PDB file of N, CA and C in Angstrom:
ATOM      1  N   UNK A   1      -4.461  17.510  20.835  1.00  0.00           N
ATOM      2  CA  UNK A   1      -4.676  16.599  20.594  1.00  0.00           C
ATOM      3  C   UNK A   1      -2.648  15.655  21.369  1.00  0.00           C
ATOM      4  N   UNK A   2      -2.933  14.866  22.425  1.00  0.00           N
ATOM      5  CA  UNK A   2      -2.788  14.127  22.955  1.00  0.00           C
ATOM      6  C   UNK A   2      -3.248  12.666  23.060  1.00  0.00           C
ATOM      7  N   UNK A   3      -1.506  11.745  22.913  1.00  0.00           N
ATOM      8  CA  UNK A   3      -1.578  10.443  23.177  1.00  0.00           C
ATOM      9  C   UNK A   3      -1.599   9.773  24.276  1.00  0.00           C
ATOM     10  N   UNK A   4      -2.094   8.827  24.943  1.00  0.00           N
ATOM     11  CA  UNK A   4      -1.748   7.711  26.349  1.00  0.00           C
ATOM     12  C   UNK A   4      -1.603   6.764  25.536  1.00  0.00           C
ATOM     13  N   UNK A   5      -0.195   6.381  25.390  1.00  0.00           N
ATOM     14  CA  UNK A   5      -0.596   4.132  25.438  1.00  0.00           C
ATOM     15  C   UNK A   5      -0.440   4.594  27.111  1.00  0.00           C
ATOM     16  N   UNK A   6      -1.515   2.685  26.241  1.00  0.00           N
ATOM     17  CA  UNK A   6      -1.762   1.908  27.854  1.00  0.00           C
ATOM     18  C   UNK A   6      -1.313   0.600  27.486  1.00  0.00           C
ATOM     19  N   UNK A   7      -0.800  -0.507  28.048  1.00  0.00           N
ATOM     20  CA  UNK A   7      -0.338  -1.877  27.837  1.00  0.00           C
ATOM     21  C   UNK A   7      -0.542  -1.604  25.625  1.00  0.00           C
ATOM     22  N   UNK A   8      -1.470  -1.922  25.251  1.00  0.00           N
ATOM     23  CA  UNK A   8      -1.317  -1.880  24.096  1.00  0.00           C
ATOM     24  C   UNK A   8      -2.678  -1.153  23.726  1.00  0.00           C
ATOM     25  N   UNK A   9      -3.108  -0.467  24.672  1.00  0.00           N
ATOM     26  CA  UNK A   9      -4.554   0.765  23.920  1.00  0.00           C
ATOM     27  C   UNK A   9      -3.436   1.637  23.819  1.00  0.00           C
ATOM     28  N   UNK A  10      -4.373   3.085  22.807  1.00  0.00           N
ATOM     29  CA  UNK A  10      -3.529   4.213  22.631  1.00  0.00           C
ATOM     30  C   UNK A  10      -5.196   4.853  23.478  1.00  0.00           C
ATOM     31  N   UNK A  11      -4.811   6.009  23.985  1.00  0.00           N
ATOM     32  CA  UNK A  11      -6.190   7.348  24.156  1.00  0.00           C
ATOM     33  C   UNK A  11      -6.150   8.368  23.465  1.00  0.00           C
ATOM     34  N   UNK A  12      -6.777   8.895  22.413  1.00  0.00           N
ATOM     35  CA  UNK A  12      -6.211  10.895  22.478  1.00  0.00           C
ATOM     36  C   UNK A  12      -7.364  10.773  22.804  1.00  0.00           C
ATOM     37  N   UNK A  13      -6.906  12.483  23.546  1.00  0.00           N
ATOM     38  CA  UNK A  13      -7.788  13.145  24.661  1.00  0.00           C
ATOM     39  C   UNK A  13      -6.985  14.839  23.588  1.00  0.00           C
ATOM     40  N   UNK A  14      -8.606  15.398  23.331  1.00  0.00           N
ATOM     41  CA  UNK A  14      -8.318  16.185  22.522  1.00  0.00           C
ATOM     42  C   UNK A  14      -7.893  17.907  23.473  1.00  0.00           C
ATOM     43  N   UNK A  15      -8.686  18.547  23.785  1.00  0.00           N
ATOM     44  CA  UNK A  15      -8.036  20.533  23.762  1.00  0.00           C
ATOM     45  C   UNK A  15      -7.807  20.224  25.682  1.00  0.00           C
ATOM     46  N   UNK A  16      -6.711  18.701  25.832  1.00  0.00           N
ATOM     47  CA  UNK A  16      -6.883  18.621  27.286  1.00  0.00           C
ATOM     48  C   UNK A  16      -7.429  18.069  27.811  1.00  0.00           C
ATOM     49  N   UNK A  17      -8.504  17.517  27.813  1.00  0.00           N
ATOM     50  CA  UNK A  17      -9.793  16.756  27.684  1.00  0.00           C
ATOM     51  C   UNK A  17     -11.087  17.469  28.004  1.00  0.00           C
ATOM     52  N   UNK A  18     -10.843  19.063  27.909  1.00  0.00           N
ATOM     53  CA  UNK A  18     -12.025  20.726  27.904  1.00  0.00           C
ATOM     54  C   UNK A  18     -13.326  20.341  26.470  1.00  0.00           C
ATOM     55  N   UNK A  19     -13.400  20.727  26.392  1.00  0.00           N
ATOM     56  CA  UNK A  19     -15.531  20.454  26.490  1.00  0.00           C
ATOM     57  C   UNK A  19     -14.990  21.750  24.201  1.00  0.00           C
ATOM     58  N   UNK A  20     -14.723  20.882  23.189  1.00  0.00           N
ATOM     59  CA  UNK A  20     -13.954  20.899  22.180  1.00  0.00           C
ATOM     60  C   UNK A  20     -15.634  21.345  21.065  1.00  0.00           C
ATOM     61  N   UNK A  21     -15.649  23.087  21.310  1.00  0.00           N
ATOM     62  CA  UNK A  21     -17.011  23.392  19.597  1.00  0.00           C
ATOM     63  C   UNK A  21     -16.502  23.402  18.625  1.00  0.00           C
ATOM     64  N   UNK A  22     -16.942  22.758  17.721  1.00  0.00           N
ATOM     65  CA  UNK A  22     -16.410  22.238  16.270  1.00  0.00           C
ATOM     66  C   UNK A  22     -17.384  23.005  15.408  1.00  0.00           C
ATOM     67  N   UNK A  23     -18.793  23.776  14.909  1.00  0.00           N
ATOM     68  CA  UNK A  23     -19.449  24.681  15.064  1.00  0.00           C
ATOM     69  C   UNK A  23     -19.327  25.774  15.575  1.00  0.00           C
ATOM     70  N   UNK A  24     -18.706  26.754  16.285  1.00  0.00           N
ATOM     71  CA  UNK A  24     -18.158  28.081  16.361  1.00  0.00           C
ATOM     72  C   UNK A  24     -18.424  28.948  15.341  1.00  0.00           C
ATOM     73  N   UNK A  25     -19.260  29.587  15.058  1.00  0.00           N
ATOM     74  CA  UNK A  25     -18.216  31.089  14.366  1.00  0.00           C
ATOM     75  C   UNK A  25     -18.892  30.118  12.269  1.00  0.00           C
ATOM     76  N   UNK A  26     -19.914  29.566  12.597  1.00  0.00           N
ATOM     77  CA  UNK A  26     -20.340  29.122  11.442  1.00  0.00           C
ATOM     78  C   UNK A  26     -21.667  29.928  10.937  1.00  0.00           C
ATOM     79  N   UNK A  27     -22.088  30.447  11.764  1.00  0.00           N
ATOM     80  CA  UNK A  27     -23.067  32.007  11.382  1.00  0.00           C
ATOM     81  C   UNK A  27     -24.834  30.574  11.061  1.00  0.00           C
ATOM     82  N   UNK A  28     -24.518  29.991  11.391  1.00  0.00           N
ATOM     83  CA  UNK A  28     -25.943  28.555  11.177  1.00  0.00           C
ATOM     84  C   UNK A  28     -26.379  28.234  12.904  1.00  0.00           C
ATOM     85  N   UNK A  29     -27.325  27.753  12.570  1.00  0.00           N
ATOM     86  CA  UNK A  29     -28.110  27.120  13.812  1.00  0.00           C
ATOM     87  C   UNK A  29     -27.260  25.941  14.097  1.00  0.00           C
ATOM     88  N   UNK A  30     -27.338  25.929  15.918  1.00  0.00           N
ATOM     89  CA  UNK A  30     -26.775  24.789  15.245  1.00  0.00           C
ATOM     90  C   UNK A  30     -27.785  23.427  15.994  1.00  0.00           C
ATOM     91  N   UNK A  31     -28.982  23.917  15.101  1.00  0.00           N
ATOM     92  CA  UNK A  31     -29.647  22.877  15.719  1.00  0.00           C
ATOM     93  C   UNK A  31     -29.675  21.586  13.756  1.00  0.00           C
ATOM     94  N   UNK A  32     -29.208  22.961  13.529  1.00  0.00           N
ATOM     95  CA  UNK A  32     -28.809  22.882  11.236  1.00  0.00           C
ATOM     96  C   UNK A  32     -27.417  21.443  11.324  1.00  0.00           C
ATOM     97  N   UNK A  33     -26.716  22.047  11.796  1.00  0.00           N
ATOM     98  CA  UNK A  33     -25.325  21.784  11.680  1.00  0.00           C
ATOM     99  C   UNK A  33     -25.246  20.364  12.321  1.00  0.00           C
ATOM    100  N   UNK A  34     -25.771  19.763  13.168  1.00  0.00           N
ATOM    101  CA  UNK A  34     -25.998  18.592  14.667  1.00  0.00           C
ATOM    102  C   UNK A  34     -24.744  17.231  14.024  1.00  0.00           C
ATOM    103  N   UNK A  35     -25.687  16.642  12.558  1.00  0.00           N
ATOM    104  CA  UNK A  35     -26.085  15.536  11.883  1.00  0.00           C
ATOM    105  C   UNK A  35     -24.616  15.835  10.911  1.00  0.00           C
ATOM    106  N   UNK A  36     -23.627  17.047  10.847  1.00  0.00           N
ATOM    107  CA  UNK A  36     -22.954  17.193   9.760  1.00  0.00           C
ATOM    108  C   UNK A  36     -22.212  16.670  10.378  1.00  0.00           C
ATOM    109  N   UNK A  37     -21.872  18.060  11.913  1.00  0.00           N
ATOM    110  CA  UNK A  37     -20.352  17.902  12.496  1.00  0.00           C
ATOM    111  C   UNK A  37     -20.656  16.471  13.248  1.00  0.00           C
ATOM    112  N   UNK A  38     -22.260  15.815  13.302  1.00  0.00           N
ATOM    113  CA  UNK A  38     -21.776  14.803  14.049  1.00  0.00           C
ATOM    114  C   UNK A  38     -20.456  13.399  13.835  1.00  0.00           C
ATOM    115  N   UNK A  39     -21.408  13.496  12.686  1.00  0.00           N
ATOM    116  CA  UNK A  39     -20.707  13.520  11.547  1.00  0.00           C
ATOM    117  C   UNK A  39     -19.178  12.720  11.297  1.00  0.00           C
ATOM    118  N   UNK A  40     -19.086  14.265  11.427  1.00  0.00           N
ATOM    119  CA  UNK A  40     -17.483  15.091  10.900  1.00  0.00           C
ATOM    120  C   UNK A  40     -16.620  14.107  12.328  1.00  0.00           C
ATOM    121  N   UNK A  41     -16.652  14.470  13.281  1.00  0.00           N
ATOM    122  CA  UNK A  41     -16.775  14.567  14.315  1.00  0.00           C
ATOM    123  C   UNK A  41     -16.494  12.883  14.596  1.00  0.00           C
ATOM    124  N   UNK A  42     -17.359  12.068  14.320  1.00  0.00           N
ATOM    125  CA  UNK A  42     -16.779  10.549  14.399  1.00  0.00           C
ATOM    126  C   UNK A  42     -16.258   9.737  13.454  1.00  0.00           C
ATOM    127  N   UNK A  43     -16.427  10.608  12.488  1.00  0.00           N
ATOM    128  CA  UNK A  43     -15.813   9.550  11.114  1.00  0.00           C
ATOM    129  C   UNK A  43     -13.562   9.884  11.649  1.00  0.00           C
ATOM    130  N   UNK A  44     -13.658  11.213  12.226  1.00  0.00           N
ATOM    131  CA  UNK A  44     -12.293  11.759  12.718  1.00  0.00           C
ATOM    132  C   UNK A  44     -12.036  10.738  13.710  1.00  0.00           C
ATOM    133  N   UNK A  45     -12.495  10.766  14.569  1.00  0.00           N
ATOM    134  CA  UNK A  45     -12.551   9.600  15.764  1.00  0.00           C
ATOM    135  C   UNK A  45     -12.297   8.473  15.240  1.00  0.00           C
ATOM    136  N   UNK A  46     -13.202   7.900  14.204  1.00  0.00           N
ATOM    137  CA  UNK A  46     -13.032   6.570  13.394  1.00  0.00           C
ATOM    138  C   UNK A  46     -11.577   5.786  12.631  1.00  0.00           C
ATOM    139  N   UNK A  47     -11.052   7.702  11.880  1.00  0.00           N
ATOM    140  CA  UNK A  47      -9.403   8.093  11.611  1.00  0.00           C
ATOM    141  C   UNK A  47      -8.610   6.953  12.882  1.00  0.00           C
ATOM    142  N   UNK A  48      -8.878   7.953  14.411  1.00  0.00           N
ATOM    143  CA  UNK A  48      -7.859   8.303  14.804  1.00  0.00           C
ATOM    144  C   UNK A  48      -7.337   6.585  15.194  1.00  0.00           C
ATOM    145  N   UNK A  49      -8.420   6.011  15.413  1.00  0.00           N
ATOM    146  CA  UNK A  49      -8.382   4.734  16.565  1.00  0.00           C
ATOM    147  C   UNK A  49      -7.896   3.518  14.982  1.00  0.00           C
ATOM    148  N   UNK A  50      -8.259   4.042  13.386  1.00  0.00           N
ATOM    149  CA  UNK A  50      -7.297   3.682  13.070  1.00  0.00           C
ATOM    150  C   UNK A  50      -5.992   3.755  12.230  1.00  0.00           C
ATOM    151  N   UNK A  51      -5.960   4.396  13.208  1.00  0.00           N
ATOM    152  CA  UNK A  51      -4.077   5.102  12.909  1.00  0.00           C
ATOM    153  C   UNK A  51      -3.813   5.742  12.172  1.00  0.00           C
ATOM    154  N   UNK A  52      -4.890   6.515  11.679  1.00  0.00           N
ATOM    155  CA  UNK A  52      -4.621   7.734  11.126  1.00  0.00           C
ATOM    156  C   UNK A  52      -3.552   8.521  11.421  1.00  0.00           C
ATOM    157  N   UNK A  53      -3.114   8.725  12.876  1.00  0.00           N
ATOM    158  CA  UNK A  53      -2.718   9.948  13.404  1.00  0.00           C
ATOM    159  C   UNK A  53      -1.324   9.466  13.366  1.00  0.00           C
ATOM    160  N   UNK A  54      -0.836   8.460  12.999  1.00  0.00           N
ATOM    161  CA  UNK A  54       0.344   8.166  13.943  1.00  0.00           C
ATOM    162  C   UNK A  54       1.495   8.216  13.280  1.00  0.00           C
ATOM    163  N   UNK A  55       2.178   8.455  13.925  1.00  0.00           N
ATOM    164  CA  UNK A  55       3.288   9.319  13.404  1.00  0.00           C
ATOM    165  C   UNK A  55       3.238  11.339  13.285  1.00  0.00           C
ATOM    166  N   UNK A  56       2.463  11.443  13.411  1.00  0.00           N
ATOM    167  CA  UNK A  56       2.372  12.629  13.154  1.00  0.00           C
ATOM    168  C   UNK A  56       2.632  13.780  14.654  1.00  0.00           C
ATOM    169  N   UNK A  57       3.332  14.725  14.203  1.00  0.00           N
ATOM    170  CA  UNK A  57       3.744  15.048  15.574  1.00  0.00           C
ATOM    171  C   UNK A  57       3.252  15.847  16.592  1.00  0.00           C
ATOM    172  N   UNK A  58       3.741  15.978  17.628  1.00  0.00           N
ATOM    173  CA  UNK A  58       3.506  16.164  19.203  1.00  0.00           C
ATOM    174  C   UNK A  58       2.101  18.323  18.632  1.00  0.00           C
ATOM    175  N   UNK A  59       1.367  18.141  18.495  1.00  0.00           N
ATOM    176  CA  UNK A  59       0.961  19.571  18.524  1.00  0.00           C
ATOM    177  C   UNK A  59      -0.945  19.771  18.907  1.00  0.00           C
ATOM    178  N   UNK A  60      -1.858  20.790  17.532  1.00  0.00           N
ATOM    179  CA  UNK A  60      -2.768  20.835  17.429  1.00  0.00           C
ATOM    180  C   UNK A  60      -2.815  19.949  15.828  1.00  0.00           C
ATOM    181  N   UNK A  61      -3.539  19.721  15.193  1.00  0.00           N
ATOM    182  CA  UNK A  61      -3.233  19.278  13.781  1.00  0.00           C
ATOM    183  C   UNK A  61      -4.875  19.389  13.602  1.00  0.00           C
ATOM    184  N   UNK A  62      -5.134  19.863  11.553  1.00  0.00           N
ATOM    185  CA  UNK A  62      -5.637  20.064  10.529  1.00  0.00           C
ATOM    186  C   UNK A  62      -6.498  18.520  10.770  1.00  0.00           C
ATOM    187  N   UNK A  63      -7.624  19.046  10.592  1.00  0.00           N
ATOM    188  CA  UNK A  63      -8.266  17.697  10.343  1.00  0.00           C
ATOM    189  C   UNK A  63      -8.038  17.284   9.304  1.00  0.00           C
ATOM    190  N   UNK A  64      -7.901  16.129   8.761  1.00  0.00           N
ATOM    191  CA  UNK A  64      -8.042  16.001   7.245  1.00  0.00           C
ATOM    192  C   UNK A  64      -8.411  15.796   6.257  1.00  0.00           C
ATOM    193  N   UNK A  65      -8.242  16.935   5.489  1.00  0.00           N
ATOM    194  CA  UNK A  65      -9.453  17.763   4.594  1.00  0.00           C
ATOM    195  C   UNK A  65     -10.200  15.776   3.506  1.00  0.00           C
ATOM    196  N   UNK A  66      -8.975  15.178   3.937  1.00  0.00           N
ATOM    197  CA  UNK A  66      -9.241  14.181   2.656  1.00  0.00           C
ATOM    198  C   UNK A  66     -11.069  13.536   3.649  1.00  0.00           C
ATOM    199  N   UNK A  67     -10.904  13.158   4.699  1.00  0.00           N
ATOM    200  CA  UNK A  67     -12.241  13.475   6.039  1.00  0.00           C
ATOM    201  C   UNK A  67     -13.846  14.230   5.379  1.00  0.00           C
ATOM    202  N   UNK A  68     -13.365  14.892   5.618  1.00  0.00           N
ATOM    203  CA  UNK A  68     -14.119  16.214   5.303  1.00  0.00           C
ATOM    204  C   UNK A  68     -14.647  16.271   3.724  1.00  0.00           C
ATOM    205  N   UNK A  69     -13.675  15.941   2.833  1.00  0.00           N
ATOM    206  CA  UNK A  69     -14.100  15.707   1.745  1.00  0.00           C
ATOM    207  C   UNK A  69     -15.412  14.318   1.594  1.00  0.00           C
ATOM    208  N   UNK A  70     -14.838  13.483   1.932  1.00  0.00           N
ATOM    209  CA  UNK A  70     -15.968  12.401   1.729  1.00  0.00           C
ATOM    210  C   UNK A  70     -16.853  12.311   2.911  1.00  0.00           C
ATOM    211  N   UNK A  71     -17.109  13.291   4.034  1.00  0.00           N
ATOM    212  CA  UNK A  71     -17.854  13.589   4.741  1.00  0.00           C
ATOM    213  C   UNK A  71     -19.306  14.451   3.951  1.00  0.00           C
ATOM    214  N   UNK A  72     -18.678  15.107   3.435  1.00  0.00           N
ATOM    215  CA  UNK A  72     -19.328  16.316   2.975  1.00  0.00           C
ATOM    216  C   UNK A  72     -19.918  15.576   1.249  1.00  0.00           C
ATOM    217  N   UNK A  73     -19.091  14.994   0.361  1.00  0.00           N
ATOM    218  CA  UNK A  73     -19.962  13.618  -0.237  1.00  0.00           C
ATOM    219  C   UNK A  73     -21.415  12.511  -0.600  1.00  0.00           C
ATOM    220  N   UNK A  74     -20.824  12.344   0.858  1.00  0.00           N
ATOM    221  CA  UNK A  74     -22.077  11.690   1.423  1.00  0.00           C
ATOM    222  C   UNK A  74     -23.002  12.281   2.026  1.00  0.00           C
ATOM    223  N   UNK A  75     -22.889  13.953   2.243  1.00  0.00           N
ATOM    224  CA  UNK A  75     -23.958  14.138   2.986  1.00  0.00           C
ATOM    225  C   UNK A  75     -24.631  15.180   1.535  1.00  0.00           C
ATOM    226  N   UNK A  76     -24.188  15.546   0.124  1.00  0.00           N
ATOM    227  CA  UNK A  76     -24.617  15.703  -0.777  1.00  0.00           C
ATOM    228  C   UNK A  76     -25.582  14.783  -1.226  1.00  0.00           C
ATOM    229  N   UNK A  77     -25.178  13.093  -1.613  1.00  0.00           N
ATOM    230  CA  UNK A  77     -25.797  11.963  -1.382  1.00  0.00           C
ATOM    231  C   UNK A  77     -27.106  11.821  -1.843  1.00  0.00           C
ATOM    232  N   UNK A  78     -26.763  12.365  -0.089  1.00  0.00           N
ATOM    233  CA  UNK A  78     -28.318  11.486   0.702  1.00  0.00           C
ATOM    234  C   UNK A  78     -28.944  13.397   0.823  1.00  0.00           C
ATOM    235  N   UNK A  79     -28.698  14.356   0.215  1.00  0.00           N
ATOM    236  CA  UNK A  79     -29.748  15.826   0.166  1.00  0.00           C
ATOM    237  C   UNK A  79     -30.379  15.365  -1.418  1.00  0.00           C
ATOM    238  N   UNK A  80     -29.876  14.634  -1.766  1.00  0.00           N
ATOM    239  CA  UNK A  80     -30.036  13.990  -3.689  1.00  0.00           C
ATOM    240  C   UNK A  80     -30.591  12.875  -2.895  1.00  0.00           C
ATOM    241  N   UNK A  81     -30.925  12.093  -2.632  1.00  0.00           N
ATOM    242  CA  UNK A  81     -31.807  11.589  -2.395  1.00  0.00           C
ATOM    243  C   UNK A  81     -32.874  11.646  -1.824  1.00  0.00           C
ATOM    244  N   UNK A  82     -32.790  12.038  -0.635  1.00  0.00           N
ATOM    245  CA  UNK A  82     -33.780  13.086  -0.191  1.00  0.00           C
ATOM    246  C   UNK A  82     -34.676  13.940  -0.776  1.00  0.00           C
ATOM    247  N   UNK A  83     -33.836  14.400  -1.769  1.00  0.00           N
ATOM    248  CA  UNK A  83     -35.019  15.107  -2.571  1.00  0.00           C
ATOM    249  C   UNK A  83     -35.975  15.076  -3.944  1.00  0.00           C
TER     250      UNK A  83
END
């Protein structure tokens, strides 16, 4: 992840702007995972814009586990409501 500062705006560029595949190697069909992985991606982007990566060293960083748990809990709650 790279951060570019443009006056008071910050732009975060992942994988040097290349396409990322967050669902690689999961063993499930892409259509079954789309909503969950979209939620994880969008929550991560929200976290970035809220300053979550401030102070992080240069280089690849792991996705924050607390965000994964947040999405997992919401997904389970949704599944319980649907059932």
